[in-house]
Amino acid sequence: MRNGLLIFSFSSKHCSSGVQARGGRTLVQVNGQRVVSACLNVEVKAPKSANLGKLGFGESKDVMETEGRVIVGTYARTPIVLVSGKGCKLYDAEGREYLDMSSGIAVNSLGHGDPTWLKAVIEQANTLTHVSNIYYSIPQVNASLDFCC
């Protein structure tokens, strides 16, 4: 903290691997190629519920190596294994806390673990989980009316 403001850092010391590049970005080796990545970390430890042992892995490296063997590499990944989240905060396998500023690709940033959101998702999943845009759907039309009118 400096002057009441939390100072975030983009540096390799907050990532599982990599060396710092210009601008605080991190250079990471993925399948032998250098990839630029950014890690935003706040020096806070995760809740005890966030640990790899419960998930059957010893450490982040094990998760990354296993993923490389069993999942098609569509995107170059940032070398962080996220294990839990609450609101706008994410926690990695080593217990570091991150501010979720991306929430994924082509998805909404809704936060994590919000009870009101979870209740709405459960109610919707009990009715329809997903309807393609090639069909009409009453919830889609109602949501569109809420947003545009």
N, C-alpha and C. Protein backbone atom coordinates (compact mmCIF):
# COMPACT_ATOMS: atom_id res chain seq x y z
N MET A 1 0.85 -1.18 0.00
CA MET A 1 0.00 0.00 0.00
C MET A 1 0.89 1.24 0.00
N ARG A 2 0.52 2.21 -0.81
CA ARG A 2 1.23 3.47 -0.84
C ARG A 2 0.19 4.56 -0.94
N ASN A 3 0.19 5.49 0.02
CA ASN A 3 -0.79 6.58 0.05
C ASN A 3 -2.22 6.06 -0.04
N GLY A 4 -2.49 4.95 0.63
CA GLY A 4 -3.84 4.39 0.63
C GLY A 4 -4.23 3.67 -0.64
N LEU A 5 -3.33 3.57 -1.62
CA LEU A 5 -3.64 2.88 -2.87
C LEU A 5 -2.88 1.56 -2.91
N LEU A 6 -3.56 0.54 -3.32
CA LEU A 6 -2.91 -0.75 -3.47
C LEU A 6 -2.12 -0.73 -4.77
N ILE A 7 -0.84 -1.03 -4.71
CA ILE A 7 0.02 -1.03 -5.89
C ILE A 7 0.06 -2.45 -6.44
N PHE A 8 -0.42 -2.64 -7.66
CA PHE A 8 -0.37 -3.94 -8.31
C PHE A 8 0.91 -4.03 -9.11
N SER A 9 1.44 -5.21 -9.23
CA SER A 9 2.64 -5.36 -10.06
C SER A 9 2.42 -6.41 -11.12
N PHE A 10 2.95 -6.16 -12.29
CA PHE A 10 2.96 -7.14 -13.36
C PHE A 10 4.40 -7.62 -13.44
N SER A 11 4.72 -8.69 -12.76
CA SER A 11 6.10 -9.15 -12.81
C SER A 11 6.19 -10.65 -12.69
N SER A 12 7.33 -11.18 -13.09
CA SER A 12 7.51 -12.63 -13.10
C SER A 12 7.53 -13.21 -11.69
N LYS A 13 7.83 -12.41 -10.67
CA LYS A 13 7.88 -12.99 -9.34
C LYS A 13 6.51 -13.47 -8.88
N HIS A 14 5.45 -13.00 -9.54
CA HIS A 14 4.10 -13.42 -9.17
C HIS A 14 3.58 -14.54 -10.05
N CYS A 15 4.35 -14.97 -11.02
CA CYS A 15 3.93 -16.04 -11.91
C CYS A 15 4.65 -17.32 -11.52
N SER A 16 4.11 -18.43 -11.97
CA SER A 16 4.73 -19.72 -11.66
C SER A 16 6.07 -19.89 -12.35
N SER A 17 6.24 -19.29 -13.52
CA SER A 17 7.51 -19.36 -14.24
C SER A 17 7.62 -18.18 -15.16
N GLY A 18 8.79 -17.97 -15.72
CA GLY A 18 8.94 -16.89 -16.69
C GLY A 18 9.96 -15.87 -16.23
N VAL A 19 10.40 -15.03 -17.16
CA VAL A 19 11.32 -13.96 -16.85
C VAL A 19 10.69 -12.65 -17.27
N GLN A 20 11.00 -11.60 -16.54
CA GLN A 20 10.35 -10.33 -16.81
C GLN A 20 10.83 -9.72 -18.12
N ALA A 21 9.88 -9.24 -18.90
CA ALA A 21 10.17 -8.56 -20.16
C ALA A 21 9.90 -7.07 -19.97
N ARG A 22 10.09 -6.30 -21.05
CA ARG A 22 9.81 -4.87 -20.97
C ARG A 22 8.37 -4.62 -20.58
N GLY A 23 8.13 -3.55 -19.83
CA GLY A 23 6.77 -3.17 -19.46
C GLY A 23 6.19 -4.04 -18.36
N GLY A 24 7.02 -4.85 -17.68
CA GLY A 24 6.52 -5.68 -16.60
C GLY A 24 5.79 -6.93 -17.06
N ARG A 25 5.78 -7.17 -18.36
CA ARG A 25 5.15 -8.39 -18.85
C ARG A 25 6.07 -9.57 -18.56
N THR A 26 5.58 -10.75 -18.72
CA THR A 26 6.36 -11.94 -18.43
C THR A 26 6.53 -12.77 -19.68
N LEU A 27 7.76 -13.19 -19.94
CA LEU A 27 8.00 -14.11 -21.05
C LEU A 27 7.92 -15.53 -20.51
N VAL A 28 7.11 -16.34 -21.15
CA VAL A 28 6.86 -17.70 -20.71
C VAL A 28 7.17 -18.65 -21.86
N GLN A 29 7.75 -19.79 -21.55
CA GLN A 29 7.98 -20.83 -22.56
C GLN A 29 6.76 -21.76 -22.58
N VAL A 30 6.11 -21.87 -23.73
CA VAL A 30 4.99 -22.79 -23.92
C VAL A 30 5.30 -23.60 -25.16
N ASN A 31 5.43 -24.91 -25.00
CA ASN A 31 5.79 -25.80 -26.11
C ASN A 31 7.01 -25.27 -26.87
N GLY A 32 8.00 -24.77 -26.15
CA GLY A 32 9.24 -24.31 -26.76
C GLY A 32 9.18 -22.92 -27.37
N GLN A 33 8.02 -22.25 -27.33
CA GLN A 33 7.90 -20.91 -27.88
C GLN A 33 7.72 -19.90 -26.76
N ARG A 34 8.29 -18.70 -26.97
CA ARG A 34 8.14 -17.65 -25.97
C ARG A 34 6.81 -16.95 -26.16
N VAL A 35 6.08 -16.80 -25.08
CA VAL A 35 4.77 -16.18 -25.09
C VAL A 35 4.78 -15.05 -24.07
N VAL A 36 4.22 -13.90 -24.42
CA VAL A 36 4.13 -12.80 -23.47
C VAL A 36 2.84 -12.95 -22.69
N SER A 37 2.93 -12.78 -21.39
CA SER A 37 1.79 -12.95 -20.53
C SER A 37 1.82 -11.87 -19.46
N ALA A 38 0.71 -11.64 -18.80
CA ALA A 38 0.67 -10.68 -17.70
C ALA A 38 0.01 -11.33 -16.50
N CYS A 39 0.58 -11.12 -15.34
CA CYS A 39 0.04 -11.67 -14.10
C CYS A 39 -0.23 -10.51 -13.15
N LEU A 40 -1.43 -10.41 -12.66
CA LEU A 40 -1.76 -9.37 -11.70
C LEU A 40 -1.98 -10.06 -10.37
N ASN A 41 -1.14 -9.75 -9.40
CA ASN A 41 -1.19 -10.45 -8.13
C ASN A 41 -1.20 -9.45 -6.99
N VAL A 42 -1.98 -9.75 -5.98
CA VAL A 42 -2.00 -8.96 -4.76
C VAL A 42 -1.43 -9.86 -3.67
N GLU A 43 -0.56 -9.33 -2.84
CA GLU A 43 0.11 -10.16 -1.83
C GLU A 43 -0.85 -10.51 -0.69
N VAL A 44 -1.77 -11.42 -0.96
CA VAL A 44 -2.73 -11.90 0.02
C VAL A 44 -2.83 -13.41 -0.17
N LYS A 45 -2.94 -14.16 0.90
CA LYS A 45 -3.03 -15.61 0.79
C LYS A 45 -4.49 -16.04 0.59
N ALA A 46 -4.64 -17.16 -0.11
CA ALA A 46 -5.97 -17.70 -0.42
C ALA A 46 -6.59 -18.36 0.80
N PRO A 47 -7.92 -18.53 0.76
CA PRO A 47 -8.57 -19.29 1.83
C PRO A 47 -8.06 -20.73 1.84
N LYS A 48 -8.18 -21.40 2.97
CA LYS A 48 -7.67 -22.77 3.08
C LYS A 48 -8.35 -23.72 2.11
N SER A 49 -9.53 -23.38 1.62
CA SER A 49 -10.25 -24.26 0.70
C SER A 49 -9.55 -24.39 -0.65
N ALA A 50 -8.64 -23.47 -0.96
CA ALA A 50 -7.96 -23.47 -2.26
C ALA A 50 -6.65 -24.23 -2.17
N ASN A 51 -6.67 -25.53 -2.46
CA ASN A 51 -5.41 -26.26 -2.51
C ASN A 51 -5.47 -27.40 -3.51
N LEU A 52 -4.32 -27.72 -4.09
CA LEU A 52 -4.24 -28.74 -5.13
C LEU A 52 -4.37 -30.15 -4.59
N GLY A 53 -3.98 -30.36 -3.35
CA GLY A 53 -4.05 -31.69 -2.77
C GLY A 53 -5.46 -32.26 -2.84
N LYS A 54 -6.45 -31.41 -2.59
CA LYS A 54 -7.84 -31.85 -2.67
C LYS A 54 -8.22 -32.24 -4.09
N LEU A 55 -7.50 -31.71 -5.09
CA LEU A 55 -7.82 -31.94 -6.49
C LEU A 55 -6.99 -33.06 -7.10
N GLY A 56 -6.14 -33.71 -6.30
CA GLY A 56 -5.37 -34.84 -6.80
C GLY A 56 -4.05 -34.47 -7.46
N PHE A 57 -3.55 -33.25 -7.26
CA PHE A 57 -2.28 -32.82 -7.83
C PHE A 57 -1.39 -32.32 -6.70
N GLY A 58 -0.06 -32.49 -6.88
CA GLY A 58 0.89 -32.05 -5.87
C GLY A 58 1.20 -30.57 -5.94
N GLU A 59 1.42 -30.05 -7.14
CA GLU A 59 1.76 -28.64 -7.30
C GLU A 59 1.37 -28.17 -8.70
N SER A 60 1.46 -26.88 -8.94
CA SER A 60 1.06 -26.29 -10.22
C SER A 60 1.75 -26.95 -11.40
N LYS A 61 3.04 -27.24 -11.25
CA LYS A 61 3.81 -27.87 -12.33
C LYS A 61 3.16 -29.17 -12.77
N ASP A 62 2.65 -29.97 -11.83
CA ASP A 62 1.98 -31.24 -12.16
C ASP A 62 0.74 -31.00 -13.01
N VAL A 63 -0.03 -29.98 -12.65
CA VAL A 63 -1.24 -29.66 -13.40
C VAL A 63 -0.88 -29.26 -14.83
N MET A 64 0.12 -28.38 -14.98
CA MET A 64 0.52 -27.90 -16.30
C MET A 64 1.06 -29.02 -17.17
N GLU A 65 1.87 -29.91 -16.59
CA GLU A 65 2.42 -31.03 -17.36
C GLU A 65 1.32 -32.00 -17.79
N THR A 66 0.38 -32.28 -16.90
CA THR A 66 -0.73 -33.18 -17.23
C THR A 66 -1.59 -32.56 -18.32
N GLU A 67 -1.89 -31.28 -18.20
CA GLU A 67 -2.69 -30.58 -19.20
C GLU A 67 -2.05 -30.68 -20.57
N GLY A 68 -0.73 -30.55 -20.62
CA GLY A 68 -0.01 -30.62 -21.88
C GLY A 68 -0.12 -31.98 -22.57
N ARG A 69 -0.38 -33.02 -21.78
CA ARG A 69 -0.51 -34.37 -22.34
C ARG A 69 -1.94 -34.71 -22.75
N VAL A 70 -2.94 -34.07 -22.14
CA VAL A 70 -4.32 -34.54 -22.34
C VAL A 70 -5.28 -33.53 -22.95
N ILE A 71 -4.89 -32.27 -23.11
CA ILE A 71 -5.78 -31.25 -23.65
C ILE A 71 -5.15 -30.62 -24.87
N VAL A 72 -5.96 -30.42 -25.92
CA VAL A 72 -5.48 -29.77 -27.14
C VAL A 72 -5.11 -28.33 -26.80
N GLY A 73 -3.93 -27.90 -27.20
CA GLY A 73 -3.44 -26.56 -26.87
C GLY A 73 -4.01 -25.48 -27.78
N THR A 74 -5.22 -25.04 -27.52
CA THR A 74 -5.85 -24.01 -28.34
C THR A 74 -5.21 -22.65 -28.11
N TYR A 75 -4.98 -22.31 -26.85
CA TYR A 75 -4.42 -21.01 -26.48
C TYR A 75 -3.13 -21.23 -25.69
N ALA A 76 -2.21 -20.28 -25.79
CA ALA A 76 -1.05 -20.27 -24.91
C ALA A 76 -1.55 -19.84 -23.53
N ARG A 77 -1.23 -20.59 -22.52
CA ARG A 77 -1.75 -20.30 -21.18
C ARG A 77 -0.73 -19.54 -20.33
N THR A 78 -1.25 -18.70 -19.46
CA THR A 78 -0.43 -18.04 -18.45
C THR A 78 -0.13 -19.10 -17.39
N PRO A 79 1.10 -19.21 -16.93
CA PRO A 79 1.47 -20.29 -16.02
C PRO A 79 0.98 -20.08 -14.58
N ILE A 80 -0.32 -20.03 -14.44
CA ILE A 80 -0.96 -19.90 -13.13
C ILE A 80 -2.06 -20.95 -13.10
N VAL A 81 -2.15 -21.73 -12.02
CA VAL A 81 -3.23 -22.70 -11.87
C VAL A 81 -4.24 -22.12 -10.90
N LEU A 82 -5.39 -21.70 -11.42
CA LEU A 82 -6.44 -21.13 -10.58
C LEU A 82 -7.27 -22.25 -10.00
N VAL A 83 -7.53 -22.18 -8.68
CA VAL A 83 -8.27 -23.25 -8.02
C VAL A 83 -9.57 -22.80 -7.38
N SER A 84 -9.73 -21.49 -7.14
CA SER A 84 -10.99 -21.02 -6.57
C SER A 84 -11.14 -19.52 -6.82
N GLY A 85 -12.34 -19.05 -6.58
CA GLY A 85 -12.61 -17.63 -6.74
C GLY A 85 -13.78 -17.20 -5.89
N LYS A 86 -13.80 -15.92 -5.55
CA LYS A 86 -14.90 -15.34 -4.79
C LYS A 86 -15.01 -13.89 -5.21
N GLY A 87 -16.16 -13.51 -5.77
CA GLY A 87 -16.33 -12.16 -6.26
C GLY A 87 -15.36 -11.88 -7.39
N CYS A 88 -14.59 -10.80 -7.30
CA CYS A 88 -13.63 -10.46 -8.35
C CYS A 88 -12.24 -10.99 -8.04
N LYS A 89 -12.12 -11.85 -7.04
CA LYS A 89 -10.80 -12.37 -6.66
C LYS A 89 -10.66 -13.83 -7.06
N LEU A 90 -9.48 -14.18 -7.53
CA LEU A 90 -9.13 -15.55 -7.88
C LEU A 90 -7.95 -15.98 -7.03
N TYR A 91 -7.85 -17.30 -6.78
CA TYR A 91 -6.75 -17.82 -5.97
C TYR A 91 -6.05 -18.93 -6.74
N ASP A 92 -4.71 -18.90 -6.71
CA ASP A 92 -3.96 -19.94 -7.41
C ASP A 92 -3.59 -21.07 -6.46
N ALA A 93 -2.98 -22.10 -7.02
CA ALA A 93 -2.66 -23.30 -6.26
C ALA A 93 -1.66 -23.04 -5.14
N GLU A 94 -0.85 -22.02 -5.27
CA GLU A 94 0.12 -21.69 -4.23
C GLU A 94 -0.46 -20.72 -3.20
N GLY A 95 -1.73 -20.38 -3.33
CA GLY A 95 -2.39 -19.54 -2.34
C GLY A 95 -2.32 -18.05 -2.61
N ARG A 96 -1.86 -17.63 -3.79
CA ARG A 96 -1.81 -16.20 -4.10
C ARG A 96 -3.17 -15.73 -4.59
N GLU A 97 -3.48 -14.48 -4.29
CA GLU A 97 -4.75 -13.87 -4.69
C GLU A 97 -4.53 -12.97 -5.90
N TYR A 98 -5.47 -13.03 -6.85
CA TYR A 98 -5.41 -12.21 -8.06
C TYR A 98 -6.71 -11.45 -8.23
N LEU A 99 -6.63 -10.30 -8.83
CA LEU A 99 -7.81 -9.55 -9.22
C LEU A 99 -8.20 -10.03 -10.61
N ASP A 100 -9.41 -10.55 -10.76
CA ASP A 100 -9.86 -11.11 -12.04
C ASP A 100 -10.24 -9.98 -12.97
N MET A 101 -9.35 -9.69 -13.92
CA MET A 101 -9.60 -8.59 -14.85
C MET A 101 -9.90 -9.09 -16.26
N SER A 102 -10.02 -10.40 -16.43
CA SER A 102 -10.31 -10.90 -17.78
C SER A 102 -11.48 -11.87 -17.80
N SER A 103 -11.63 -12.69 -16.79
CA SER A 103 -12.74 -13.64 -16.67
C SER A 103 -12.91 -14.56 -17.86
N GLY A 104 -11.92 -14.71 -18.67
CA GLY A 104 -12.01 -15.63 -19.79
C GLY A 104 -12.17 -14.91 -21.11
N ILE A 105 -12.28 -15.70 -22.14
CA ILE A 105 -12.39 -15.17 -23.49
C ILE A 105 -13.84 -15.27 -23.93
N ALA A 106 -14.40 -14.17 -24.38
CA ALA A 106 -15.77 -14.12 -24.91
C ALA A 106 -16.82 -14.52 -23.89
N VAL A 107 -16.60 -14.18 -22.63
CA VAL A 107 -17.60 -14.44 -21.60
C VAL A 107 -17.82 -13.18 -20.78
N ASN A 108 -18.83 -13.19 -19.95
CA ASN A 108 -19.13 -12.05 -19.10
C ASN A 108 -18.30 -12.09 -17.83
N SER A 109 -17.96 -10.94 -17.31
CA SER A 109 -17.24 -10.83 -16.05
C SER A 109 -18.27 -10.70 -14.93
N LEU A 110 -18.70 -11.82 -14.40
CA LEU A 110 -19.76 -11.83 -13.40
C LEU A 110 -19.25 -12.10 -12.00
N GLY A 111 -17.97 -12.30 -11.85
CA GLY A 111 -17.43 -12.63 -10.54
C GLY A 111 -17.55 -14.12 -10.27
N HIS A 112 -17.22 -14.51 -9.06
CA HIS A 112 -17.19 -15.93 -8.70
C HIS A 112 -17.91 -16.15 -7.38
N GLY A 113 -18.74 -17.18 -7.33
CA GLY A 113 -19.35 -17.61 -6.08
C GLY A 113 -20.43 -16.70 -5.52
N ASP A 114 -21.01 -15.81 -6.31
CA ASP A 114 -22.07 -14.93 -5.81
C ASP A 114 -23.35 -15.75 -5.61
N PRO A 115 -23.93 -15.74 -4.40
CA PRO A 115 -25.10 -16.58 -4.13
C PRO A 115 -26.33 -16.22 -4.98
N THR A 116 -26.55 -14.95 -5.26
CA THR A 116 -27.70 -14.55 -6.08
C THR A 116 -27.53 -15.05 -7.50
N TRP A 117 -26.33 -14.90 -8.05
CA TRP A 117 -26.04 -15.39 -9.40
C TRP A 117 -26.19 -16.91 -9.46
N LEU A 118 -25.65 -17.60 -8.45
CA LEU A 118 -25.72 -19.06 -8.40
C LEU A 118 -27.17 -19.54 -8.38
N LYS A 119 -28.01 -18.89 -7.58
CA LYS A 119 -29.44 -19.25 -7.51
C LYS A 119 -30.09 -19.09 -8.88
N ALA A 120 -29.80 -17.98 -9.56
CA ALA A 120 -30.38 -17.74 -10.89
C ALA A 120 -29.91 -18.79 -11.90
N VAL A 121 -28.63 -19.16 -11.83
CA VAL A 121 -28.09 -20.17 -12.75
C VAL A 121 -28.75 -21.53 -12.50
N ILE A 122 -28.92 -21.89 -11.24
CA ILE A 122 -29.56 -23.17 -10.91
C ILE A 122 -31.00 -23.19 -11.41
N GLU A 123 -31.73 -22.09 -11.18
CA GLU A 123 -33.11 -22.01 -11.67
C GLU A 123 -33.16 -22.15 -13.18
N GLN A 124 -32.25 -21.46 -13.88
CA GLN A 124 -32.25 -21.53 -15.34
C GLN A 124 -31.83 -22.92 -15.82
N ALA A 125 -30.85 -23.52 -15.18
CA ALA A 125 -30.39 -24.85 -15.59
C ALA A 125 -31.48 -25.90 -15.40
N ASN A 126 -32.37 -25.68 -14.45
CA ASN A 126 -33.49 -26.60 -14.25
C ASN A 126 -34.54 -26.45 -15.35
N THR A 127 -34.50 -25.35 -16.10
CA THR A 127 -35.46 -25.11 -17.18
C THR A 127 -34.82 -25.40 -18.53
N LEU A 128 -33.83 -24.62 -18.91
CA LEU A 128 -33.06 -24.79 -20.15
C LEU A 128 -31.62 -24.43 -19.83
N THR A 129 -30.67 -25.28 -20.20
CA THR A 129 -29.27 -24.97 -19.95
C THR A 129 -28.70 -24.09 -21.04
N HIS A 130 -28.98 -24.42 -22.28
CA HIS A 130 -28.46 -23.64 -23.40
C HIS A 130 -29.41 -23.79 -24.58
N VAL A 131 -29.68 -22.69 -25.25
CA VAL A 131 -30.48 -22.71 -26.47
C VAL A 131 -29.69 -21.97 -27.54
N SER A 132 -29.45 -22.62 -28.65
CA SER A 132 -28.71 -22.01 -29.75
C SER A 132 -29.48 -20.81 -30.30
N ASN A 133 -28.74 -19.90 -30.90
CA ASN A 133 -29.37 -18.73 -31.53
C ASN A 133 -30.14 -19.08 -32.80
N ILE A 134 -30.10 -20.34 -33.23
CA ILE A 134 -30.91 -20.71 -34.40
C ILE A 134 -32.37 -20.95 -34.01
N TYR A 135 -32.67 -20.93 -32.68
CA TYR A 135 -34.03 -21.08 -32.18
C TYR A 135 -34.45 -19.81 -31.46
N TYR A 136 -35.76 -19.61 -31.34
CA TYR A 136 -36.28 -18.51 -30.53
C TYR A 136 -36.34 -18.98 -29.08
N SER A 137 -36.14 -18.05 -28.17
CA SER A 137 -36.18 -18.38 -26.75
C SER A 137 -36.76 -17.19 -25.99
N ILE A 138 -37.76 -17.44 -25.16
CA ILE A 138 -38.41 -16.36 -24.41
C ILE A 138 -37.43 -15.66 -23.47
N PRO A 139 -36.59 -16.38 -22.69
CA PRO A 139 -35.63 -15.67 -21.84
C PRO A 139 -34.69 -14.76 -22.62
N GLN A 140 -34.28 -15.18 -23.81
CA GLN A 140 -33.39 -14.36 -24.63
C GLN A 140 -34.09 -13.07 -25.06
N VAL A 141 -35.34 -13.19 -25.49
CA VAL A 141 -36.09 -12.01 -25.92
C VAL A 141 -36.33 -11.08 -24.73
N ASN A 142 -36.72 -11.64 -23.58
CA ASN A 142 -36.95 -10.81 -22.39
C ASN A 142 -35.67 -10.10 -21.94
N ALA A 143 -34.55 -10.81 -21.95
CA ALA A 143 -33.27 -10.19 -21.57
C ALA A 143 -32.91 -9.08 -22.54
N SER A 144 -33.15 -9.31 -23.82
CA SER A 144 -32.86 -8.28 -24.83
C SER A 144 -33.72 -7.05 -24.61
N LEU A 145 -34.98 -7.25 -24.27
CA LEU A 145 -35.87 -6.11 -23.99
C LEU A 145 -35.37 -5.33 -22.78
N ASP A 146 -34.89 -6.04 -21.76
CA ASP A 146 -34.36 -5.37 -20.56
C ASP A 146 -33.15 -4.50 -20.90
N PHE A 147 -32.31 -4.97 -21.81
CA PHE A 147 -31.09 -4.25 -22.15
C PHE A 147 -31.31 -3.09 -23.12
N CYS A 148 -32.25 -3.24 -24.03
CA CYS A 148 -32.35 -2.23 -25.08
C CYS A 148 -33.52 -1.26 -24.92
N CYS A 149 -34.49 -1.60 -24.15
CA CYS A 149 -35.70 -0.75 -24.11
C CYS A 149 -36.00 -0.23 -22.73
